[in-house]
N, C-alpha and C. Protein backbone atom coordinates (compact mmCIF):
# COMPACT_ATOMS: atom_id res chain seq x y z
N MET A 1 -21.53 -30.71 3.28
CA MET A 1 -20.31 -30.98 2.53
C MET A 1 -19.97 -29.82 1.58
N ALA A 2 -21.01 -29.26 0.96
CA ALA A 2 -20.78 -28.18 0.01
C ALA A 2 -20.25 -26.94 0.73
N GLN A 3 -20.66 -26.74 1.97
CA GLN A 3 -20.16 -25.58 2.71
C GLN A 3 -18.68 -25.70 2.99
N TYR A 4 -18.20 -26.91 3.26
CA TYR A 4 -16.77 -27.11 3.51
C TYR A 4 -15.96 -26.86 2.23
N ILE A 5 -16.51 -27.28 1.11
CA ILE A 5 -15.84 -27.01 -0.16
C ILE A 5 -15.82 -25.51 -0.43
N PHE A 6 -16.94 -24.84 -0.12
CA PHE A 6 -17.01 -23.39 -0.28
C PHE A 6 -15.96 -22.70 0.58
N TYR A 7 -15.85 -23.10 1.83
CA TYR A 7 -14.88 -22.48 2.72
C TYR A 7 -13.45 -22.76 2.27
N ALA A 8 -13.18 -23.98 1.81
CA ALA A 8 -11.84 -24.31 1.33
C ALA A 8 -11.49 -23.48 0.09
N LEU A 9 -12.44 -23.38 -0.85
CA LEU A 9 -12.20 -22.57 -2.04
C LEU A 9 -12.02 -21.09 -1.69
N SER A 10 -12.77 -20.62 -0.69
CA SER A 10 -12.64 -19.23 -0.27
C SER A 10 -11.27 -18.96 0.33
N ILE A 11 -10.79 -19.89 1.13
CA ILE A 11 -9.46 -19.72 1.73
C ILE A 11 -8.38 -19.72 0.65
N VAL A 12 -8.50 -20.63 -0.32
CA VAL A 12 -7.53 -20.67 -1.42
C VAL A 12 -7.60 -19.38 -2.23
N THR A 13 -8.79 -18.88 -2.48
CA THR A 13 -8.95 -17.64 -3.25
C THR A 13 -8.31 -16.46 -2.53
N ILE A 14 -8.60 -16.33 -1.24
CA ILE A 14 -8.08 -15.19 -0.49
C ILE A 14 -6.56 -15.27 -0.36
N LEU A 15 -6.03 -16.45 -0.04
CA LEU A 15 -4.58 -16.59 0.11
C LEU A 15 -3.84 -16.35 -1.20
N SER A 16 -4.38 -16.89 -2.30
CA SER A 16 -3.69 -16.68 -3.58
C SER A 16 -3.80 -15.22 -4.03
N ALA A 17 -4.92 -14.56 -3.73
CA ALA A 17 -5.04 -13.14 -4.08
C ALA A 17 -4.07 -12.30 -3.26
N LEU A 18 -3.91 -12.63 -2.01
CA LEU A 18 -2.93 -11.91 -1.18
C LEU A 18 -1.51 -12.16 -1.67
N TYR A 19 -1.23 -13.39 -2.11
CA TYR A 19 0.10 -13.70 -2.63
C TYR A 19 0.37 -12.95 -3.93
N VAL A 20 -0.68 -12.72 -4.73
CA VAL A 20 -0.52 -11.93 -5.95
C VAL A 20 -0.02 -10.54 -5.61
N VAL A 21 -0.57 -9.96 -4.55
CA VAL A 21 -0.23 -8.59 -4.18
C VAL A 21 1.15 -8.52 -3.52
N PHE A 22 1.46 -9.47 -2.65
CA PHE A 22 2.66 -9.36 -1.83
C PHE A 22 3.86 -10.15 -2.34
N ALA A 23 3.76 -10.83 -3.46
CA ALA A 23 4.88 -11.62 -3.98
C ALA A 23 5.98 -10.70 -4.49
N LYS A 24 7.21 -11.07 -4.25
CA LYS A 24 8.35 -10.28 -4.73
C LYS A 24 8.60 -10.50 -6.22
N SER A 25 8.40 -11.71 -6.67
CA SER A 25 8.64 -12.05 -8.07
C SER A 25 7.34 -11.93 -8.87
N PRO A 26 7.37 -11.24 -10.01
CA PRO A 26 6.15 -11.15 -10.82
C PRO A 26 5.72 -12.49 -11.41
N MET A 27 6.65 -13.40 -11.62
CA MET A 27 6.29 -14.72 -12.14
C MET A 27 5.43 -15.49 -11.13
N TYR A 28 5.84 -15.46 -9.86
CA TYR A 28 5.05 -16.13 -8.83
C TYR A 28 3.70 -15.45 -8.65
N SER A 29 3.66 -14.15 -8.84
CA SER A 29 2.41 -13.42 -8.75
C SER A 29 1.43 -13.85 -9.84
N VAL A 30 1.91 -14.04 -11.04
CA VAL A 30 1.06 -14.49 -12.14
C VAL A 30 0.55 -15.90 -11.89
N ILE A 31 1.42 -16.77 -11.39
CA ILE A 31 1.00 -18.14 -11.11
C ILE A 31 -0.03 -18.17 -9.99
N ALA A 32 0.14 -17.32 -8.98
CA ALA A 32 -0.85 -17.25 -7.91
C ALA A 32 -2.18 -16.72 -8.43
N MET A 33 -2.14 -15.83 -9.41
CA MET A 33 -3.39 -15.33 -9.98
C MET A 33 -4.12 -16.43 -10.76
N ILE A 34 -3.37 -17.30 -11.40
CA ILE A 34 -3.98 -18.44 -12.10
C ILE A 34 -4.67 -19.35 -11.08
N VAL A 35 -4.03 -19.60 -9.94
CA VAL A 35 -4.65 -20.40 -8.88
C VAL A 35 -5.92 -19.73 -8.38
N CYS A 36 -5.88 -18.41 -8.23
CA CYS A 36 -7.05 -17.65 -7.80
C CYS A 36 -8.20 -17.79 -8.80
N PHE A 37 -7.88 -17.72 -10.08
CA PHE A 37 -8.92 -17.87 -11.11
C PHE A 37 -9.54 -19.26 -11.08
N PHE A 38 -8.72 -20.30 -10.87
CA PHE A 38 -9.27 -21.65 -10.80
C PHE A 38 -10.18 -21.82 -9.58
N SER A 39 -9.81 -21.21 -8.46
CA SER A 39 -10.66 -21.34 -7.28
C SER A 39 -11.96 -20.56 -7.45
N ILE A 40 -11.93 -19.44 -8.17
CA ILE A 40 -13.17 -18.73 -8.47
C ILE A 40 -14.05 -19.56 -9.40
N ALA A 41 -13.44 -20.26 -10.33
CA ALA A 41 -14.21 -21.17 -11.18
C ALA A 41 -14.86 -22.28 -10.35
N GLY A 42 -14.18 -22.71 -9.29
CA GLY A 42 -14.79 -23.68 -8.38
C GLY A 42 -16.01 -23.12 -7.69
N HIS A 43 -15.99 -21.84 -7.36
CA HIS A 43 -17.17 -21.19 -6.79
C HIS A 43 -18.32 -21.20 -7.79
N TYR A 44 -18.03 -20.97 -9.05
CA TYR A 44 -19.08 -21.00 -10.07
C TYR A 44 -19.69 -22.39 -10.18
N VAL A 45 -18.88 -23.42 -10.07
CA VAL A 45 -19.41 -24.79 -10.13
C VAL A 45 -20.32 -25.05 -8.92
N LEU A 46 -19.93 -24.55 -7.76
CA LEU A 46 -20.79 -24.70 -6.59
C LEU A 46 -22.13 -23.99 -6.75
N LEU A 47 -22.15 -22.92 -7.50
CA LEU A 47 -23.39 -22.18 -7.73
C LEU A 47 -24.17 -22.72 -8.92
N ASN A 48 -23.77 -23.87 -9.43
CA ASN A 48 -24.43 -24.56 -10.54
C ASN A 48 -24.37 -23.73 -11.83
N ALA A 49 -23.26 -23.06 -12.05
CA ALA A 49 -23.05 -22.28 -13.26
C ALA A 49 -21.83 -22.86 -13.98
N GLN A 50 -21.99 -24.06 -14.50
CA GLN A 50 -20.86 -24.75 -15.13
C GLN A 50 -20.37 -24.03 -16.37
N PHE A 51 -21.29 -23.47 -17.15
CA PHE A 51 -20.88 -22.76 -18.35
C PHE A 51 -20.00 -21.57 -18.01
N LEU A 52 -20.39 -20.82 -17.00
CA LEU A 52 -19.60 -19.67 -16.58
C LEU A 52 -18.24 -20.10 -16.05
N ALA A 53 -18.18 -21.23 -15.35
CA ALA A 53 -16.90 -21.74 -14.85
C ALA A 53 -15.97 -22.12 -16.00
N ILE A 54 -16.53 -22.77 -17.01
CA ILE A 54 -15.70 -23.18 -18.15
C ILE A 54 -15.19 -21.97 -18.91
N VAL A 55 -16.07 -21.00 -19.14
CA VAL A 55 -15.66 -19.79 -19.85
C VAL A 55 -14.62 -19.02 -19.04
N HIS A 56 -14.79 -18.98 -17.73
CA HIS A 56 -13.84 -18.29 -16.86
C HIS A 56 -12.45 -18.94 -16.95
N VAL A 57 -12.41 -20.24 -16.92
CA VAL A 57 -11.12 -20.94 -17.00
C VAL A 57 -10.49 -20.74 -18.37
N ILE A 58 -11.28 -20.84 -19.42
CA ILE A 58 -10.71 -20.72 -20.77
C ILE A 58 -10.22 -19.31 -21.03
N VAL A 59 -11.06 -18.32 -20.71
CA VAL A 59 -10.72 -16.94 -21.05
C VAL A 59 -9.66 -16.38 -20.11
N TYR A 60 -9.90 -16.45 -18.80
CA TYR A 60 -8.99 -15.79 -17.87
C TYR A 60 -7.75 -16.63 -17.58
N ALA A 61 -7.94 -17.83 -17.08
CA ALA A 61 -6.78 -18.64 -16.71
C ALA A 61 -6.03 -19.12 -17.95
N GLY A 62 -6.74 -19.31 -19.05
CA GLY A 62 -6.08 -19.78 -20.25
C GLY A 62 -5.42 -18.70 -21.06
N ALA A 63 -6.22 -17.78 -21.56
CA ALA A 63 -5.70 -16.81 -22.53
C ALA A 63 -5.04 -15.61 -21.89
N ILE A 64 -5.74 -14.94 -21.01
CA ILE A 64 -5.22 -13.68 -20.46
C ILE A 64 -3.99 -13.92 -19.59
N MET A 65 -4.01 -14.95 -18.76
CA MET A 65 -2.87 -15.18 -17.89
C MET A 65 -1.65 -15.65 -18.67
N VAL A 66 -1.85 -16.36 -19.77
CA VAL A 66 -0.71 -16.71 -20.61
C VAL A 66 -0.09 -15.45 -21.21
N LEU A 67 -0.94 -14.50 -21.61
CA LEU A 67 -0.42 -13.23 -22.10
C LEU A 67 0.35 -12.49 -21.02
N PHE A 68 -0.19 -12.45 -19.80
CA PHE A 68 0.52 -11.81 -18.69
C PHE A 68 1.87 -12.48 -18.45
N LEU A 69 1.88 -13.79 -18.50
CA LEU A 69 3.10 -14.54 -18.25
C LEU A 69 4.15 -14.21 -19.30
N PHE A 70 3.75 -14.14 -20.58
CA PHE A 70 4.70 -13.79 -21.63
C PHE A 70 5.19 -12.35 -21.49
N VAL A 71 4.32 -11.43 -21.11
CA VAL A 71 4.72 -10.04 -20.94
C VAL A 71 5.73 -9.93 -19.81
N VAL A 72 5.47 -10.61 -18.70
CA VAL A 72 6.40 -10.57 -17.57
C VAL A 72 7.74 -11.17 -17.97
N MET A 73 7.71 -12.26 -18.74
CA MET A 73 8.96 -12.88 -19.16
C MET A 73 9.73 -11.99 -20.13
N LEU A 74 9.02 -11.29 -21.01
CA LEU A 74 9.70 -10.49 -22.02
C LEU A 74 10.17 -9.14 -21.49
N LEU A 75 9.60 -8.65 -20.40
CA LEU A 75 9.99 -7.34 -19.89
C LEU A 75 11.30 -7.36 -19.12
N ASN A 76 11.77 -8.51 -18.73
CA ASN A 76 13.01 -8.66 -17.97
C ASN A 76 12.97 -7.78 -16.71
N LEU A 77 12.12 -8.16 -15.78
CA LEU A 77 11.91 -7.36 -14.58
C LEU A 77 12.91 -7.64 -13.48
N ASN A 78 14.05 -8.19 -13.80
CA ASN A 78 15.07 -8.47 -12.79
C ASN A 78 15.95 -7.26 -12.50
N GLN A 79 15.73 -6.14 -13.17
CA GLN A 79 16.52 -4.95 -12.94
C GLN A 79 16.09 -4.28 -11.64
N GLU A 80 17.00 -3.50 -11.06
CA GLU A 80 16.69 -2.79 -9.82
C GLU A 80 15.72 -1.65 -10.11
N PRO A 81 14.67 -1.52 -9.31
CA PRO A 81 13.72 -0.42 -9.55
C PRO A 81 14.30 0.92 -9.12
N ASP A 82 13.79 1.98 -9.71
CA ASP A 82 14.21 3.34 -9.37
C ASP A 82 13.58 3.73 -8.04
N LYS A 83 14.40 4.12 -7.07
CA LYS A 83 13.90 4.42 -5.73
C LYS A 83 13.68 5.91 -5.49
N SER A 84 13.65 6.72 -6.54
CA SER A 84 13.53 8.16 -6.36
C SER A 84 12.13 8.57 -5.89
N HIS A 85 11.08 7.84 -6.28
CA HIS A 85 9.72 8.18 -5.88
C HIS A 85 9.21 7.27 -4.78
N GLY A 86 10.08 6.64 -4.03
CA GLY A 86 9.67 5.63 -3.06
C GLY A 86 8.79 6.15 -1.95
N LYS A 87 9.18 7.23 -1.29
CA LYS A 87 8.44 7.70 -0.12
C LYS A 87 7.08 8.27 -0.50
N LEU A 88 7.02 9.07 -1.56
CA LEU A 88 5.76 9.65 -2.01
C LEU A 88 4.80 8.56 -2.49
N LEU A 89 5.33 7.57 -3.18
CA LEU A 89 4.50 6.48 -3.68
C LEU A 89 3.94 5.64 -2.53
N ARG A 90 4.73 5.43 -1.49
CA ARG A 90 4.25 4.66 -0.34
C ARG A 90 3.16 5.41 0.41
N VAL A 91 3.30 6.72 0.54
CA VAL A 91 2.27 7.51 1.23
C VAL A 91 0.97 7.47 0.42
N ALA A 92 1.07 7.63 -0.90
CA ALA A 92 -0.12 7.58 -1.75
C ALA A 92 -0.77 6.21 -1.70
N ALA A 93 0.04 5.15 -1.68
CA ALA A 93 -0.50 3.80 -1.60
C ALA A 93 -1.17 3.56 -0.25
N ALA A 94 -0.58 4.06 0.81
CA ALA A 94 -1.19 3.89 2.14
C ALA A 94 -2.51 4.64 2.24
N ILE A 95 -2.58 5.84 1.69
CA ILE A 95 -3.82 6.61 1.73
C ILE A 95 -4.91 5.92 0.91
N SER A 96 -4.58 5.49 -0.31
CA SER A 96 -5.60 4.84 -1.15
C SER A 96 -6.01 3.49 -0.58
N GLY A 97 -5.07 2.75 -0.02
CA GLY A 97 -5.42 1.48 0.62
C GLY A 97 -6.30 1.69 1.85
N GLY A 98 -6.00 2.72 2.64
CA GLY A 98 -6.84 3.03 3.79
C GLY A 98 -8.24 3.45 3.39
N MET A 99 -8.36 4.22 2.30
CA MET A 99 -9.68 4.60 1.83
C MET A 99 -10.46 3.39 1.32
N LEU A 100 -9.79 2.47 0.61
CA LEU A 100 -10.45 1.25 0.17
C LEU A 100 -10.91 0.41 1.36
N PHE A 101 -10.06 0.31 2.37
CA PHE A 101 -10.42 -0.45 3.58
C PHE A 101 -11.62 0.19 4.27
N LEU A 102 -11.68 1.51 4.31
CA LEU A 102 -12.80 2.22 4.92
C LEU A 102 -14.10 1.96 4.15
N VAL A 103 -14.02 2.00 2.82
CA VAL A 103 -15.20 1.72 2.00
C VAL A 103 -15.68 0.29 2.22
N LEU A 104 -14.75 -0.66 2.29
CA LEU A 104 -15.13 -2.05 2.54
C LEU A 104 -15.78 -2.21 3.90
N LEU A 105 -15.23 -1.56 4.92
CA LEU A 105 -15.83 -1.65 6.25
C LEU A 105 -17.23 -1.04 6.27
N LEU A 106 -17.41 0.09 5.62
CA LEU A 106 -18.73 0.72 5.59
C LEU A 106 -19.73 -0.13 4.80
N SER A 107 -19.28 -0.77 3.73
CA SER A 107 -20.20 -1.61 2.96
C SER A 107 -20.56 -2.88 3.73
N LEU A 108 -19.62 -3.42 4.49
CA LEU A 108 -19.94 -4.58 5.33
C LEU A 108 -20.84 -4.19 6.49
N ASN A 109 -20.71 -2.98 6.97
CA ASN A 109 -21.53 -2.53 8.08
C ASN A 109 -22.99 -2.38 7.68
N THR A 110 -23.24 -2.00 6.43
CA THR A 110 -24.61 -1.79 5.98
C THR A 110 -25.22 -3.02 5.31
N SER A 111 -24.44 -4.06 5.10
CA SER A 111 -24.97 -5.23 4.42
C SER A 111 -25.63 -6.18 5.41
N GLU A 112 -26.50 -7.02 4.87
CA GLU A 112 -27.17 -8.02 5.70
C GLU A 112 -26.33 -9.29 5.70
N THR A 113 -26.26 -9.91 6.85
CA THR A 113 -25.53 -11.17 6.94
C THR A 113 -26.51 -12.31 6.95
N GLY A 114 -26.07 -13.42 6.46
CA GLY A 114 -26.92 -14.60 6.41
C GLY A 114 -26.06 -15.83 6.25
N THR A 115 -26.70 -16.93 6.08
CA THR A 115 -25.97 -18.17 5.89
C THR A 115 -25.82 -18.46 4.41
N PHE A 116 -24.85 -19.26 4.09
CA PHE A 116 -24.59 -19.65 2.72
C PHE A 116 -25.60 -20.72 2.32
N ILE A 117 -26.42 -20.42 1.33
CA ILE A 117 -27.44 -21.36 0.86
C ILE A 117 -27.16 -21.67 -0.60
N LEU A 118 -27.03 -22.94 -0.89
CA LEU A 118 -26.83 -23.33 -2.28
C LEU A 118 -28.13 -23.16 -3.05
N PRO A 119 -28.05 -22.74 -4.31
CA PRO A 119 -29.28 -22.61 -5.09
C PRO A 119 -29.89 -23.97 -5.36
N GLU A 120 -31.18 -23.95 -5.65
CA GLU A 120 -31.85 -25.19 -5.98
C GLU A 120 -31.28 -25.75 -7.27
N LYS A 121 -31.35 -27.04 -7.39
CA LYS A 121 -30.83 -27.68 -8.60
C LYS A 121 -31.72 -27.31 -9.78
N SER A 122 -31.17 -26.56 -10.69
CA SER A 122 -31.89 -26.19 -11.91
C SER A 122 -30.92 -26.27 -13.06
N ASP A 123 -31.43 -26.12 -14.25
CA ASP A 123 -30.57 -26.24 -15.43
C ASP A 123 -30.21 -24.88 -16.01
N ILE A 124 -30.33 -23.82 -15.23
CA ILE A 124 -30.11 -22.48 -15.75
C ILE A 124 -28.64 -22.27 -16.15
N GLY A 125 -27.69 -22.69 -15.33
CA GLY A 125 -26.29 -22.45 -15.63
C GLY A 125 -25.61 -23.56 -16.39
N LEU A 126 -26.33 -24.60 -16.73
CA LEU A 126 -25.72 -25.73 -17.43
C LEU A 126 -25.43 -25.38 -18.88
N VAL A 127 -24.46 -26.05 -19.45
CA VAL A 127 -24.03 -25.78 -20.81
C VAL A 127 -25.15 -26.09 -21.80
N GLU A 128 -25.90 -27.14 -21.53
CA GLU A 128 -27.00 -27.53 -22.43
C GLU A 128 -28.06 -26.42 -22.50
N HIS A 129 -28.42 -25.89 -21.36
CA HIS A 129 -29.44 -24.83 -21.33
C HIS A 129 -28.93 -23.56 -22.01
N VAL A 130 -27.68 -23.18 -21.76
CA VAL A 130 -27.11 -21.99 -22.40
C VAL A 130 -27.04 -22.19 -23.91
N GLY A 131 -26.65 -23.37 -24.35
CA GLY A 131 -26.59 -23.65 -25.79
C GLY A 131 -27.94 -23.58 -26.47
N LYS A 132 -28.96 -24.12 -25.80
CA LYS A 132 -30.31 -24.05 -26.37
C LYS A 132 -30.79 -22.61 -26.47
N LYS A 133 -30.55 -21.81 -25.44
CA LYS A 133 -30.94 -20.40 -25.48
C LYS A 133 -30.17 -19.67 -26.58
N LEU A 134 -28.87 -19.96 -26.67
CA LEU A 134 -28.02 -19.24 -27.61
C LEU A 134 -28.39 -19.55 -29.05
N PHE A 135 -28.65 -20.80 -29.36
CA PHE A 135 -28.88 -21.18 -30.75
C PHE A 135 -30.35 -21.20 -31.13
N ASN A 136 -31.26 -20.97 -30.19
CA ASN A 136 -32.68 -20.86 -30.54
C ASN A 136 -33.14 -19.42 -30.54
N GLU A 137 -32.99 -18.74 -29.41
CA GLU A 137 -33.52 -17.39 -29.28
C GLU A 137 -32.54 -16.32 -29.74
N TYR A 138 -31.25 -16.55 -29.59
CA TYR A 138 -30.26 -15.51 -29.87
C TYR A 138 -29.33 -15.92 -31.01
N VAL A 139 -29.85 -16.62 -32.01
CA VAL A 139 -28.99 -17.09 -33.08
C VAL A 139 -28.53 -15.94 -33.99
N LEU A 140 -29.40 -14.96 -34.24
CA LEU A 140 -29.02 -13.85 -35.10
C LEU A 140 -27.92 -12.98 -34.48
N PRO A 141 -28.05 -12.53 -33.22
CA PRO A 141 -26.93 -11.77 -32.64
C PRO A 141 -25.65 -12.59 -32.53
N PHE A 142 -25.79 -13.90 -32.29
CA PHE A 142 -24.60 -14.77 -32.22
C PHE A 142 -23.89 -14.81 -33.56
N GLU A 143 -24.64 -14.96 -34.64
CA GLU A 143 -24.03 -15.01 -35.97
C GLU A 143 -23.45 -13.66 -36.37
N ILE A 144 -24.11 -12.58 -35.99
CA ILE A 144 -23.58 -11.24 -36.31
C ILE A 144 -22.26 -11.00 -35.58
N SER A 145 -22.19 -11.42 -34.32
CA SER A 145 -20.93 -11.26 -33.58
C SER A 145 -19.83 -12.13 -34.16
N SER A 146 -20.19 -13.32 -34.67
CA SER A 146 -19.15 -14.17 -35.28
C SER A 146 -18.63 -13.54 -36.57
N VAL A 147 -19.52 -12.91 -37.36
CA VAL A 147 -19.07 -12.22 -38.58
C VAL A 147 -18.19 -11.03 -38.22
N LEU A 148 -18.55 -10.29 -37.15
CA LEU A 148 -17.71 -9.16 -36.71
C LEU A 148 -16.33 -9.64 -36.26
N LEU A 149 -16.29 -10.74 -35.52
CA LEU A 149 -14.99 -11.27 -35.10
C LEU A 149 -14.17 -11.74 -36.29
N LEU A 150 -14.81 -12.37 -37.26
CA LEU A 150 -14.10 -12.82 -38.46
C LEU A 150 -13.54 -11.63 -39.24
N SER A 151 -14.32 -10.56 -39.36
CA SER A 151 -13.83 -9.38 -40.08
C SER A 151 -12.68 -8.71 -39.31
N ALA A 152 -12.73 -8.74 -37.97
CA ALA A 152 -11.63 -8.19 -37.18
C ALA A 152 -10.36 -9.00 -37.37
N ILE A 153 -10.49 -10.31 -37.43
CA ILE A 153 -9.32 -11.17 -37.66
C ILE A 153 -8.73 -10.91 -39.04
N ILE A 154 -9.58 -10.81 -40.05
CA ILE A 154 -9.09 -10.54 -41.41
C ILE A 154 -8.43 -9.17 -41.46
N GLY A 155 -9.02 -8.16 -40.80
CA GLY A 155 -8.43 -6.84 -40.77
C GLY A 155 -7.09 -6.81 -40.09
N SER A 156 -6.94 -7.54 -38.99
CA SER A 156 -5.64 -7.56 -38.30
C SER A 156 -4.59 -8.29 -39.13
N VAL A 157 -4.97 -9.32 -39.85
CA VAL A 157 -4.02 -10.01 -40.72
C VAL A 157 -3.58 -9.09 -41.86
N VAL A 158 -4.51 -8.35 -42.43
CA VAL A 158 -4.17 -7.43 -43.53
C VAL A 158 -3.27 -6.32 -43.03
N LEU A 159 -3.56 -5.77 -41.83
CA LEU A 159 -2.72 -4.71 -41.29
C LEU A 159 -1.34 -5.21 -40.88
N ALA A 160 -1.27 -6.44 -40.43
CA ALA A 160 0.01 -6.99 -39.99
C ALA A 160 0.88 -7.49 -41.13
N LYS A 161 0.27 -7.71 -42.29
CA LYS A 161 1.01 -8.21 -43.44
C LYS A 161 2.00 -7.16 -43.91
N LYS A 162 3.22 -7.58 -44.15
CA LYS A 162 4.25 -6.66 -44.60
C LYS A 162 4.06 -6.33 -46.07
N GLU A 163 4.41 -5.11 -46.38
CA GLU A 163 4.30 -4.67 -47.78
C GLU A 163 5.36 -5.41 -48.61
N SER A 164 4.92 -6.02 -49.68
CA SER A 164 5.85 -6.78 -50.53
C SER A 164 6.29 -5.96 -51.71
């Protein structure tokens, strides 16, 4: 059953990633990327890494994609693009895409193939295990990073404040 879910998530991931590249509208491209991120989070859940799946959804699908969506909306991309560099840009894109395809083929040629095996049930990727590790063994670096983030927030507020 897990293999069928894996294959379904893989198909959704590949199709949405292709739609991101080939979509005419940047808005649809951003929405397809959000779908791609959710399907990748489904892969993390299949690998028993729930914490990584949650962080992936919150950070990428939540924060970064909302920023992309606002940027696309604010840029007003409905204008006609400049076609002066069209032919040279297409040749450069074809050459770089062909080189990427060649690298992928060579890497697949040298890699070992096998069957998809789910990891054994363990608590390594669970939120409870990550929390225990974070707050027991790594509490000092965690607190130092929180103080650094707090000072960065205060600094950005001070810099953004208008002179009165």
